[in-house]
N, C-alpha and C. Protein backbone atom coordinates (compact mmCIF):
# COMPACT_ATOMS: atom_id res chain seq x y z
N UNK A 1 0.90 -1.33 0.01
CA UNK A 1 0.21 0.05 -0.02
C UNK A 1 0.90 1.37 0.40
N UNK A 2 0.80 1.97 -1.09
CA UNK A 2 1.88 3.45 -1.30
C UNK A 2 1.23 3.97 -0.28
N UNK A 3 1.90 5.52 0.00
CA UNK A 3 1.74 6.75 0.65
C UNK A 3 0.51 6.92 0.66
N UNK A 4 0.19 7.96 -0.38
CA UNK A 4 -0.83 8.30 -0.67
C UNK A 4 -2.48 7.34 -0.28
N UNK A 5 -2.21 6.03 -0.77
CA UNK A 5 -3.78 5.53 -0.66
C UNK A 5 -3.65 5.21 1.10
N UNK A 6 -2.43 5.26 1.76
CA UNK A 6 -2.90 4.34 3.33
C UNK A 6 -3.10 5.64 4.06
N UNK A 7 -2.66 7.37 3.28
CA UNK A 7 -3.20 8.46 3.65
C UNK A 7 -4.83 8.78 3.72
N UNK A 8 -5.03 8.65 2.49
CA UNK A 8 -6.63 8.32 2.09
C UNK A 8 -7.57 7.54 3.10
N UNK A 9 -6.63 6.19 3.14
CA UNK A 9 -7.56 5.47 4.20
C UNK A 9 -7.25 5.48 5.37
N UNK A 10 -5.99 6.38 6.20
CA UNK A 10 -6.25 6.52 7.38
C UNK A 10 -7.04 8.27 7.59
N UNK A 11 -7.62 8.41 6.35
CA UNK A 11 -8.17 10.00 6.71
C UNK A 11 -9.87 9.87 6.73
N UNK A 12 -10.05 8.65 6.54
CA UNK A 12 -11.69 8.01 6.18
C UNK A 12 -11.80 7.57 7.79
N UNK A 13 -10.63 6.97 7.99
CA UNK A 13 -11.09 6.32 9.68
C UNK A 13 -10.82 6.97 10.37
N UNK A 14 -10.08 8.13 10.11
CA UNK A 14 -10.36 9.76 11.08
C UNK A 14 -10.87 10.06 11.18
N UNK A 15 -12.07 10.08 10.31
CA UNK A 15 -13.00 11.01 9.81
C UNK A 15 -14.14 10.59 10.61
N UNK A 16 -14.13 9.27 10.69
CA UNK A 16 -15.32 8.85 11.86
C UNK A 16 -15.47 8.59 13.22
N UNK A 17 -13.89 8.74 13.07
CA UNK A 17 -14.15 9.10 14.75
C UNK A 17 -14.26 10.40 15.29
N UNK A 18 -13.62 11.36 14.43
CA UNK A 18 -14.35 13.06 14.73
C UNK A 18 -15.19 13.58 14.54
N UNK A 19 -15.80 12.58 13.33
CA UNK A 19 -17.58 12.70 13.06
C UNK A 19 -18.71 12.07 14.73
N UNK A 20 -17.86 11.45 15.43
CA UNK A 20 -18.78 11.26 15.86
C UNK A 20 -18.21 11.78 17.30
N UNK A 21 -17.56 11.77 17.12
CA UNK A 21 -16.86 13.16 18.56
C UNK A 21 -17.63 14.48 18.79
N UNK A 22 -17.51 14.76 17.59
CA UNK A 22 -17.76 16.66 17.20
C UNK A 22 -19.60 15.80 17.48
N UNK A 23 -20.40 14.88 17.41
CA UNK A 23 -21.29 14.50 17.52
C UNK A 23 -22.49 14.41 19.08
N UNK A 24 -20.90 14.56 19.89
CA UNK A 24 -21.19 14.16 21.34
C UNK A 24 -20.63 15.42 22.06
N UNK A 25 -19.75 16.48 21.69
CA UNK A 25 -19.62 17.41 22.30
C UNK A 25 -20.39 18.33 22.01
N UNK A 26 -20.88 19.19 23.58
CA UNK A 26 -22.04 19.44 23.47
C UNK A 26 -21.61 21.05 24.18
N UNK A 27 -20.23 20.96 24.84
CA UNK A 27 -19.90 22.34 25.27
C UNK A 27 -18.46 22.96 23.81
N UNK A 28 -19.06 24.26 23.32
CA UNK A 28 -18.20 24.74 22.32
C UNK A 28 -17.09 25.54 22.31
N UNK A 29 -17.31 26.42 23.38
CA UNK A 29 -16.94 27.44 23.67
C UNK A 29 -15.74 27.49 24.36
N UNK A 30 -14.57 26.69 24.07
CA UNK A 30 -14.11 26.67 24.91
C UNK A 30 -12.33 26.68 25.00
N UNK A 31 -11.88 27.14 26.21
CA UNK A 31 -10.42 27.57 26.02
C UNK A 31 -9.22 26.43 27.28
N UNK A 32 -8.96 25.69 26.34
CA UNK A 32 -7.80 24.53 26.95
C UNK A 32 -6.63 25.06 26.57
N UNK A 33 -5.98 25.01 28.05
CA UNK A 33 -4.55 25.37 28.40
C UNK A 33 -3.87 24.14 28.51
N UNK A 34 -2.66 23.97 27.11
CA UNK A 34 -2.43 22.64 27.19
C UNK A 34 -0.64 23.00 27.31
N UNK A 35 -0.08 21.59 27.84
CA UNK A 35 1.16 21.82 27.77
C UNK A 35 2.06 21.48 27.01
N UNK A 36 1.34 21.08 25.90
CA UNK A 36 1.78 20.65 24.77
C UNK A 36 0.85 20.58 23.75
N UNK A 37 1.14 19.57 22.15
CA UNK A 37 0.07 19.70 20.97
C UNK A 37 -0.90 19.42 21.03
N UNK A 38 -0.43 18.42 23.07
CA UNK A 38 -2.52 17.22 23.03
C UNK A 38 -3.43 18.46 22.91
N UNK A 39 -3.76 19.43 23.30
CA UNK A 39 -4.75 20.19 23.45
C UNK A 39 -5.22 20.42 21.74
N UNK A 40 -3.94 21.11 21.07
CA UNK A 40 -4.39 21.65 19.59
C UNK A 40 -4.74 20.91 18.88
N UNK A 41 -4.16 19.60 18.99
CA UNK A 41 -5.02 18.25 18.28
C UNK A 41 -6.93 18.25 18.55
N UNK A 42 -6.75 18.25 19.83
CA UNK A 42 -7.84 17.59 20.18
C UNK A 42 -9.14 18.95 19.31
N UNK A 43 -8.22 20.66 19.58
CA UNK A 43 -8.78 21.03 19.02
C UNK A 43 -9.66 21.39 17.83
N UNK A 44 -7.97 20.30 16.99
CA UNK A 44 -8.63 20.53 15.50
C UNK A 44 -9.49 19.14 15.24
N UNK A 45 -9.16 18.14 16.06
CA UNK A 45 -10.15 16.97 15.53
C UNK A 45 -11.66 17.56 15.77
N UNK A 46 -12.13 18.15 16.74
CA UNK A 46 -13.07 18.72 16.99
C UNK A 46 -13.55 19.46 16.29
N UNK A 47 -13.30 20.19 15.44
CA UNK A 47 -13.55 21.46 14.33
C UNK A 47 -14.15 22.38 15.44
N UNK A 48 -13.22 22.94 16.76
CA UNK A 48 -13.26 23.88 17.15
C UNK A 48 -12.69 25.40 17.55
N UNK A 49 -12.60 26.58 17.15
CA UNK A 49 -11.68 27.54 17.21
C UNK A 49 -10.99 27.83 17.89
N UNK A 50 -9.50 27.81 17.79
CA UNK A 50 -8.28 27.85 18.55
C UNK A 50 -8.63 29.11 19.78
N UNK A 51 -9.14 28.67 21.26
CA UNK A 51 -9.25 29.92 21.77
C UNK A 51 -8.59 29.44 22.59
N UNK A 52 -6.82 29.35 22.38
CA UNK A 52 -6.01 29.12 23.76
C UNK A 52 -4.18 30.07 23.14
N UNK A 53 -4.02 30.26 23.86
CA UNK A 53 -2.47 30.45 23.02
C UNK A 53 -1.86 29.35 23.48
N UNK A 54 -1.62 28.63 23.63
CA UNK A 54 -0.80 27.90 23.93
C UNK A 54 -0.70 26.32 22.51
N UNK A 55 -1.15 27.15 21.01
CA UNK A 55 -1.54 26.14 19.90
C UNK A 55 -0.25 26.02 20.26
N UNK A 56 0.65 24.92 19.15
CA UNK A 56 1.35 24.90 18.32
C UNK A 56 2.67 25.22 19.37
N UNK A 57 3.15 25.38 21.07
CA UNK A 57 4.02 24.83 21.34
C UNK A 57 3.99 24.44 22.40
N UNK A 58 4.76 24.13 23.18
CA UNK A 58 5.16 23.52 24.58
C UNK A 58 5.51 23.56 25.49
N UNK A 59 5.53 23.58 26.95
CA UNK A 59 6.56 24.19 28.09
C UNK A 59 7.20 22.75 28.54
N UNK A 60 8.26 22.75 29.25
CA UNK A 60 8.42 21.58 30.05
C UNK A 60 7.58 21.83 31.60
N UNK A 61 7.79 20.62 31.97
CA UNK A 61 7.00 20.51 32.94
C UNK A 61 6.23 21.69 33.57
N UNK A 62 7.65 21.98 34.83
CA UNK A 62 7.83 22.95 35.39
C UNK A 62 7.25 23.96 35.11
N UNK A 63 8.01 24.33 33.80
CA UNK A 63 7.37 26.11 33.25
C UNK A 63 5.94 25.64 33.43
N UNK A 64 5.69 24.81 32.75
CA UNK A 64 3.48 24.62 32.94
C UNK A 64 3.59 24.30 34.19
N UNK A 65 3.64 24.03 35.38
CA UNK A 65 2.93 24.51 36.53
C UNK A 65 3.52 25.85 37.27
N UNK A 66 4.17 25.93 36.61
CA UNK A 66 4.42 28.05 37.09
C UNK A 66 3.50 28.61 36.36
N UNK A 67 3.76 28.75 35.15
CA UNK A 67 2.56 29.48 34.47
C UNK A 67 1.01 28.73 34.51
N UNK A 68 0.40 27.54 34.83
CA UNK A 68 -1.35 27.43 35.01
C UNK A 68 -1.38 28.13 36.30
N UNK A 69 -0.49 27.88 37.40
CA UNK A 69 -0.37 28.92 39.17
C UNK A 69 -0.32 30.08 39.17
N UNK A 70 -0.12 30.71 37.96
CA UNK A 70 -0.06 32.39 38.07
C UNK A 70 -0.50 32.72 36.52
N UNK A 71 -1.44 32.06 35.74
CA UNK A 71 -1.85 31.60 34.64
C UNK A 71 -2.15 33.18 34.40
N UNK A 72 -3.05 34.63 34.75
CA UNK A 72 -2.87 36.08 34.35
C UNK A 72 -2.11 36.78 34.44
N UNK A 73 -1.27 36.90 35.30
CA UNK A 73 0.29 37.01 34.92
C UNK A 73 1.15 36.90 34.14
N UNK A 74 0.88 35.80 33.81
CA UNK A 74 2.18 35.43 32.75
C UNK A 74 1.72 35.75 31.26
N UNK A 75 -0.13 35.87 31.45
CA UNK A 75 -0.28 36.53 30.24
C UNK A 75 -0.78 37.75 29.65
N UNK A 76 -0.15 38.90 30.93
CA UNK A 76 -0.29 39.66 30.69
C UNK A 76 1.71 40.25 30.35
N UNK A 77 2.09 39.19 30.87
CA UNK A 77 4.13 39.62 30.54
C UNK A 77 4.21 39.19 28.74
N UNK A 78 4.91 40.62 28.40
CA UNK A 78 4.91 40.51 26.48
C UNK A 78 6.45 39.67 26.39
N UNK A 79 6.30 39.08 25.88
CA UNK A 79 7.15 37.89 24.97
C UNK A 79 8.73 38.75 24.54
N UNK A 80 9.73 38.27 24.65
CA UNK A 80 11.13 38.13 24.34
C UNK A 80 11.18 37.27 24.02
N UNK A 81 12.15 37.26 22.36
CA UNK A 81 12.79 36.39 21.84
C UNK A 81 13.96 36.15 22.39
N UNK A 82 14.19 34.45 22.49
CA UNK A 82 15.50 34.19 23.06
C UNK A 82 16.13 33.52 22.70
N UNK A 83 17.44 32.57 22.46
CA UNK A 83 18.26 32.00 21.52
C UNK A 83 18.09 30.80 21.96
N UNK A 84 17.60 30.06 21.04
CA UNK A 84 17.44 28.73 20.76
C UNK A 84 18.48 27.64 20.13
N UNK A 85 18.33 26.39 21.27
CA UNK A 85 19.58 25.41 20.54
C UNK A 85 18.10 24.88 19.26
N UNK A 86 17.82 25.21 19.32
CA UNK A 86 17.00 24.04 18.68
C UNK A 86 16.27 24.59 17.24
N UNK A 87 15.27 23.85 16.18
CA UNK A 87 15.25 24.55 15.08
C UNK A 87 13.71 25.36 14.71
N UNK A 88 13.57 25.61 15.95
CA UNK A 88 12.43 26.09 15.97
C UNK A 88 12.22 26.95 17.00
N UNK A 89 11.76 28.28 16.88
CA UNK A 89 11.67 29.73 17.90
C UNK A 89 12.00 28.80 19.44
N UNK A 90 12.01 29.91 20.05
CA UNK A 90 11.72 30.18 21.83
C UNK A 90 11.44 31.41 22.11
N UNK A 91 10.74 31.41 22.79
CA UNK A 91 10.03 33.15 24.08
C UNK A 91 10.28 33.19 25.36
N UNK A 92 10.63 34.00 26.13
CA UNK A 92 10.87 34.38 27.29
C UNK A 92 9.17 34.70 27.36
N UNK A 93 8.64 34.20 28.43
CA UNK A 93 7.67 34.71 28.55
C UNK A 93 7.68 35.15 30.71
N UNK A 94 8.60 36.21 30.77
CA UNK A 94 8.96 36.80 31.99
C UNK A 94 10.05 35.76 32.78
N UNK A 95 9.51 34.70 33.41
CA UNK A 95 10.73 33.54 33.70
C UNK A 95 10.54 31.51 33.09
N UNK A 96 9.38 31.88 32.66
CA UNK A 96 9.22 30.53 31.72
C UNK A 96 10.08 30.77 30.27
N UNK A 97 9.75 29.39 29.72
CA UNK A 97 9.93 29.23 28.13
C UNK A 97 9.21 28.70 27.18
N UNK A 98 9.04 29.51 26.12
CA UNK A 98 7.59 28.88 25.34
C UNK A 98 8.84 27.80 24.28
N UNK A 99 7.74 26.95 24.10
CA UNK A 99 8.99 26.17 22.74
C UNK A 99 7.83 26.27 21.70
N UNK A 100 8.41 27.70 20.57
CA UNK A 100 7.90 27.08 19.44
C UNK A 100 7.83 26.99 18.04
N UNK A 101 7.28 24.90 18.99
CA UNK A 101 7.79 23.85 18.19
C UNK A 101 7.19 23.62 16.42
N UNK A 102 6.10 24.23 16.40
CA UNK A 102 5.34 24.58 15.09
C UNK A 102 5.54 25.50 14.59
N UNK A 103 6.35 27.17 14.82
CA UNK A 103 6.22 28.80 13.98
C UNK A 103 7.33 28.43 13.06
N UNK A 104 7.53 29.15 12.26
CA UNK A 104 8.62 29.73 11.59
C UNK A 104 9.44 30.36 11.93
N UNK A 105 9.03 31.46 12.88
CA UNK A 105 8.90 32.33 13.20
C UNK A 105 8.84 33.01 14.96
N UNK A 106 9.98 33.71 15.17
CA UNK A 106 9.52 33.97 17.12
C UNK A 106 8.20 35.47 16.47
N UNK A 107 8.44 35.91 15.14
CA UNK A 107 7.33 36.98 15.29
C UNK A 107 5.96 36.52 14.75
N UNK A 108 5.77 35.45 14.55
CA UNK A 108 4.75 34.15 14.32
C UNK A 108 4.15 34.09 15.22
N UNK A 109 4.82 32.87 16.35
CA UNK A 109 4.41 33.10 17.32
C UNK A 109 4.04 34.11 18.94
N UNK A 110 4.49 35.04 18.74
CA UNK A 110 4.20 36.40 19.28
C UNK A 110 2.72 36.63 18.56
N UNK A 111 3.14 36.63 17.05
CA UNK A 111 1.15 37.04 16.90
C UNK A 111 0.33 36.37 17.57
N UNK A 112 0.63 35.09 17.41
CA UNK A 112 -0.89 34.30 16.90
C UNK A 112 -0.87 34.13 18.65
N UNK A 113 0.06 34.11 20.12
CA UNK A 113 0.00 34.04 20.85
C UNK A 113 -0.86 35.56 21.45
N UNK A 114 -0.61 36.77 21.04
CA UNK A 114 -1.73 37.35 21.47
C UNK A 114 -2.94 37.29 20.83
N UNK A 115 -3.10 37.40 19.60
CA UNK A 115 -4.27 36.89 19.19
C UNK A 115 -5.33 35.71 19.86
N UNK A 116 -4.75 35.00 20.34
CA UNK A 116 -5.47 33.75 20.86
C UNK A 116 -6.30 34.17 22.48
N UNK A 117 -4.90 35.38 22.55
CA UNK A 117 -5.21 35.47 23.88
C UNK A 117 -6.37 35.98 24.88
N UNK A 118 -6.79 36.57 23.57
CA UNK A 118 -7.87 37.83 23.14
C UNK A 118 -8.88 36.87 23.17
N UNK A 119 -8.98 35.46 22.57
CA UNK A 119 -10.36 34.61 22.55
C UNK A 119 -10.39 33.74 23.80
N UNK A 120 -9.58 34.29 25.01
CA UNK A 120 -10.03 33.20 25.56
C UNK A 120 -10.92 33.34 26.58
N UNK A 121 -11.68 32.42 26.91
CA UNK A 121 -12.52 32.12 27.58
C UNK A 121 -12.64 32.37 29.08
N UNK A 122 -12.75 32.58 29.89
CA UNK A 122 -12.00 32.53 31.31
C UNK A 122 -13.24 31.71 31.92
N UNK A 123 -14.59 31.87 31.56
CA UNK A 123 -15.86 30.79 32.21
C UNK A 123 -15.65 29.64 31.59
N UNK A 124 -14.73 28.62 31.14
CA UNK A 124 -14.57 27.49 30.49
C UNK A 124 -13.40 27.46 29.98
N UNK A 125 -12.23 26.95 31.25
CA UNK A 125 -11.08 27.10 31.04
C UNK A 125 -11.12 25.24 31.35
N UNK A 126 -10.20 24.69 30.72
CA UNK A 126 -9.22 23.23 30.66
C UNK A 126 -8.20 23.35 30.64
N UNK A 127 -7.48 22.70 31.82
CA UNK A 127 -6.12 22.46 31.73
C UNK A 127 -5.26 21.43 31.32
N UNK A 128 -4.48 20.67 30.98
CA UNK A 128 -3.94 19.37 30.62
C UNK A 128 -2.63 19.60 30.73
N UNK A 129 -2.01 18.51 31.54
CA UNK A 129 -0.45 18.63 31.27
C UNK A 129 -0.41 17.19 31.54
N UNK A 130 1.12 16.46 30.74
CA UNK A 130 1.45 15.42 30.29
C UNK A 130 2.43 14.86 31.07
N UNK A 131 2.83 14.02 30.94
CA UNK A 131 3.86 13.13 31.74
C UNK A 131 5.39 12.84 31.08
N UNK A 132 5.74 14.36 30.85
CA UNK A 132 6.86 14.26 30.02
C UNK A 132 7.32 15.47 29.78
N UNK A 133 8.93 15.65 29.11
CA UNK A 133 9.23 16.72 28.90
C UNK A 133 9.97 17.33 30.05
N UNK A 134 10.37 16.45 30.98
CA UNK A 134 10.93 17.20 32.08
C UNK A 134 9.96 16.62 33.10
N UNK A 135 8.20 15.60 32.97
CA UNK A 135 7.49 16.62 34.47
C UNK A 135 8.59 15.16 35.37
N UNK A 136 8.67 16.11 36.71
CA UNK A 136 8.84 15.73 38.24
C UNK A 136 7.89 15.17 38.83
N UNK A 137 8.19 14.36 40.03
CA UNK A 137 7.52 13.97 41.21
C UNK A 137 6.18 15.58 41.89
N UNK A 138 7.12 16.17 41.76
CA UNK A 138 7.13 17.70 42.39
C UNK A 138 6.12 18.32 41.18
N UNK A 139 6.43 18.04 40.19
CA UNK A 139 5.49 19.03 38.87
C UNK A 139 4.16 18.49 38.88
N UNK A 140 3.83 17.28 39.32
CA UNK A 140 2.68 16.42 39.26
C UNK A 140 1.69 16.72 40.35
N UNK A 141 2.68 16.83 41.97
CA UNK A 141 1.76 16.98 43.27
C UNK A 141 1.15 18.86 42.82
N UNK A 142 2.12 19.53 42.60
CA UNK A 142 1.64 20.37 42.59
C UNK A 142 0.96 20.95 41.84
N UNK A 143 0.64 20.88 40.35
CA UNK A 143 -0.51 20.53 39.28
C UNK A 143 -1.72 19.41 40.01
N UNK A 144 -1.56 18.78 40.52
CA UNK A 144 -3.30 17.92 41.00
C UNK A 144 -3.40 19.25 42.10
N UNK A 145 -2.80 19.49 42.95
CA UNK A 145 -3.32 20.92 44.00
C UNK A 145 -3.85 22.22 43.59
N UNK A 146 -3.51 22.23 42.29
CA UNK A 146 -4.31 23.86 41.30
C UNK A 146 -5.37 23.87 41.75
N UNK A 147 -6.09 24.70 42.37
CA UNK A 147 -7.97 24.76 42.45
C UNK A 147 -8.44 24.33 41.35
N UNK A 148 -8.15 24.55 39.77
CA UNK A 148 -9.51 24.27 39.14
C UNK A 148 -9.72 23.09 38.66
N UNK A 149 -11.22 23.47 38.74
CA UNK A 149 -11.81 22.49 38.67
C UNK A 149 -11.69 21.74 37.19
N UNK A 150 -11.19 21.82 36.18
CA UNK A 150 -11.05 20.94 34.97
C UNK A 150 -9.88 20.93 34.60
N UNK A 151 -9.25 19.55 34.85
CA UNK A 151 -7.49 19.28 34.22
C UNK A 151 -7.52 18.02 34.54
N UNK A 152 -6.91 17.48 33.30
CA UNK A 152 -6.23 16.12 33.90
C UNK A 152 -4.90 16.28 33.16
N UNK A 153 -4.15 15.34 34.18
CA UNK A 153 -2.76 15.23 34.23
C UNK A 153 -2.46 13.09 33.19
N UNK A 154 -2.43 13.65 32.55
CA UNK A 154 -2.37 12.28 31.63
C UNK A 154 -0.56 11.07 31.46
N UNK A 155 -1.05 10.37 31.83
CA UNK A 155 0.34 9.50 32.12
C UNK A 155 0.15 8.16 31.86
N UNK A 156 1.50 7.70 31.55
CA UNK A 156 1.25 6.63 31.69
C UNK A 156 2.06 5.07 32.56
N UNK A 157 1.04 5.65 33.89
CA UNK A 157 1.49 4.99 34.98
C UNK A 157 -0.18 5.17 35.87
N UNK A 158 -0.11 4.12 36.70
CA UNK A 158 -1.09 4.46 37.22
C UNK A 158 -1.13 4.97 38.47
N UNK A 159 -1.97 5.88 38.86
CA UNK A 159 -1.55 6.98 40.01
C UNK A 159 -2.73 6.98 40.46
N UNK A 160 -3.10 6.30 41.51
CA UNK A 160 -4.48 6.64 42.13
C UNK A 160 -4.23 7.24 43.60
N UNK A 161 -3.26 7.87 43.81
CA UNK A 161 -2.91 8.89 44.56
C UNK A 161 -2.91 10.50 43.88
N UNK A 162 -2.95 10.58 42.53
CA UNK A 162 -2.95 12.12 41.85
C UNK A 162 -4.59 11.87 41.55
N UNK A 163 -5.33 13.00 42.38
CA UNK A 163 -7.03 13.17 42.04
C UNK A 163 -7.48 13.36 40.41
N UNK A 164 -6.31 13.82 39.60
CA UNK A 164 -6.26 14.24 38.20
C UNK A 164 -6.03 13.54 37.27
N UNK A 165 -5.31 12.30 37.52
CA UNK A 165 -4.32 11.56 37.18
C UNK A 165 -5.46 10.90 35.86
N UNK A 166 -4.90 10.59 34.48
CA UNK A 166 -6.01 9.90 33.62
C UNK A 166 -4.37 8.70 33.00
N UNK A 167 -5.18 7.78 33.44
CA UNK A 167 -4.16 6.99 32.57
C UNK A 167 -4.20 6.06 31.40
N UNK A 168 -3.19 6.42 30.34
CA UNK A 168 -3.28 5.93 29.32
C UNK A 168 -2.46 4.79 28.48
N UNK A 169 -3.31 3.17 29.13
CA UNK A 169 -2.17 2.04 29.05
C UNK A 169 -1.45 1.78 27.86
N UNK A 170 -0.81 1.47 28.26
CA UNK A 170 0.78 0.90 27.25
C UNK A 170 1.32 2.15 26.51
N UNK A 171 1.14 3.42 27.35
CA UNK A 171 1.86 4.87 26.25
C UNK A 171 2.88 4.88 26.38
N UNK A 172 3.48 4.31 27.63
CA UNK A 172 5.39 4.56 27.62
C UNK A 172 5.97 4.58 27.01
N UNK A 173 6.90 5.13 26.26
CA UNK A 173 8.12 4.81 25.64
C UNK A 173 9.47 4.76 26.25
N UNK A 174 9.60 4.36 27.36
CA UNK A 174 10.41 3.71 28.08
C UNK A 174 11.28 4.93 29.37
N UNK A 175 11.05 6.32 29.24
CA UNK A 175 11.39 7.07 29.57
C UNK A 175 10.04 8.00 30.19
N UNK A 176 9.09 8.03 29.56
CA UNK A 176 7.94 9.43 29.66
C UNK A 176 6.92 8.50 28.44
N UNK A 177 6.10 9.22 29.21
CA UNK A 177 4.36 9.11 28.06
C UNK A 177 4.89 9.72 26.54
N UNK A 178 4.28 8.41 25.52
CA UNK A 178 5.06 8.79 24.34
C UNK A 178 4.11 9.77 23.54
N UNK A 179 4.29 10.30 22.52
CA UNK A 179 3.61 11.26 22.01
C UNK A 179 2.39 11.39 21.72
N UNK A 180 1.08 11.01 22.28
CA UNK A 180 -0.15 11.16 22.16
C UNK A 180 -0.96 10.99 20.96
N UNK A 181 -0.09 12.07 19.95
CA UNK A 181 -0.95 12.91 18.70
C UNK A 181 -0.35 12.30 17.80
N UNK A 182 0.23 11.02 18.23
CA UNK A 182 0.61 10.12 17.31
C UNK A 182 -0.86 8.89 17.17
N UNK A 183 -0.70 8.10 15.95
CA UNK A 183 -1.28 7.00 15.38
C UNK A 183 -0.76 6.14 16.15
N UNK A 184 -2.14 5.03 17.03
CA UNK A 184 -1.86 4.09 17.15
C UNK A 184 -0.65 2.74 16.24
N UNK A 185 -1.33 2.72 15.31
CA UNK A 185 -0.06 2.14 13.77
C UNK A 185 -0.79 2.50 11.88
N UNK A 186 0.22 1.95 11.57
CA UNK A 186 -0.20 2.05 10.48
C UNK A 186 -1.32 2.30 9.91
N UNK A 187 -2.50 1.24 10.24
CA UNK A 187 -3.60 0.67 9.62
C UNK A 187 -4.29 1.67 10.71
N UNK A 188 -4.41 1.63 11.29
CA UNK A 188 -5.67 2.25 12.13
C UNK A 188 -5.92 4.27 12.11
N UNK A 189 -6.93 4.48 12.16
CA UNK A 189 -7.73 5.82 12.82
C UNK A 189 -7.19 6.36 14.32
N UNK A 190 -6.64 5.75 15.11
CA UNK A 190 -6.57 6.24 16.70
C UNK A 190 -5.22 7.03 16.75
N UNK A 191 -5.45 7.45 17.56
CA UNK A 191 -4.64 8.03 18.28
C UNK A 191 -4.50 7.58 19.80
N UNK A 192 -3.09 7.35 20.02
CA UNK A 192 -3.31 7.39 21.20
C UNK A 192 -4.02 7.92 22.48
N UNK A 193 -3.70 9.15 22.05
CA UNK A 193 -5.61 9.83 23.15
C UNK A 193 -6.02 9.87 22.89
N UNK A 194 -6.86 9.18 21.67
CA UNK A 194 -7.98 8.24 21.75
C UNK A 194 -8.10 7.74 23.39
N UNK A 195 -7.74 7.45 24.45
CA UNK A 195 -7.76 6.51 25.14
C UNK A 195 -8.07 7.40 26.97
N UNK A 196 -8.00 8.69 26.26
CA UNK A 196 -8.68 9.88 27.25
C UNK A 196 -9.98 10.29 26.55
N UNK A 197 -10.98 9.89 27.31
CA UNK A 197 -12.27 10.35 26.43
C UNK A 197 -12.21 11.55 26.93
N UNK A 198 -11.42 12.89 26.04
CA UNK A 198 -11.40 14.13 26.47
C UNK A 198 -13.39 14.58 26.14
N UNK A 199 -14.12 14.26 25.23
CA UNK A 199 -15.42 14.96 24.95
C UNK A 199 -16.13 14.84 26.09
N UNK A 200 -16.05 13.61 26.72
CA UNK A 200 -16.51 13.23 28.39
C UNK A 200 -16.02 14.82 29.31
N UNK A 201 -14.54 14.47 29.38
CA UNK A 201 -13.74 15.81 30.40
C UNK A 201 -14.62 17.01 29.53
N UNK A 202 -14.51 18.08 28.79
CA UNK A 202 -14.94 18.78 27.73
C UNK A 202 -16.15 19.09 28.52
N UNK A 203 -17.05 18.24 28.22
CA UNK A 203 -18.82 18.36 28.44
C UNK A 203 -19.16 18.71 30.13
N UNK A 204 -18.06 18.18 31.01
CA UNK A 204 -18.17 18.30 32.56
C UNK A 204 -18.27 20.57 32.53
N UNK A 205 -18.91 20.93 32.35
CA UNK A 205 -19.14 22.16 32.91
C UNK A 205 -19.26 22.62 34.27
């Protein structure tokens, strides 16, 4: 099966999943503040407007916890370009680093950050942290203790002591949770992320 045929087949399979999820979603004016690209993929697959500045970038785990712990403060900070050892731009937001992994330039990332801050629905916030990017126990506990009603910590371990933990079976890459946005195999429309029932999570107002 050549690449184009496989892509078309997967698009059909994925389309069925997305269509079902979109029909089940009742809460649509949502702001998802995600530690990485999981939030952007959820927005895309559900056909929602990108009402979040965290689209197309990621934080280290400790920086994400700092960001959501003092959310409104960081949203008021001016982004400053900083040197990057990676093949994508990075920005400083006060004392945290934004990894603009899916932007071609700092200017593009800054423009989208500011544009999407204006779209935030502060009455309908959802926070998603992921067990990777340097995630340590102190970060997990700190996130669990932040008094937000709607939050989820996606992890490859069963963590009954963490109230907001969502266990994603068989998702370890050996050291951390795998890239949940990837498909589970070449012949399926299912992502690893689909093991998290994010439609039910987002419907909980």
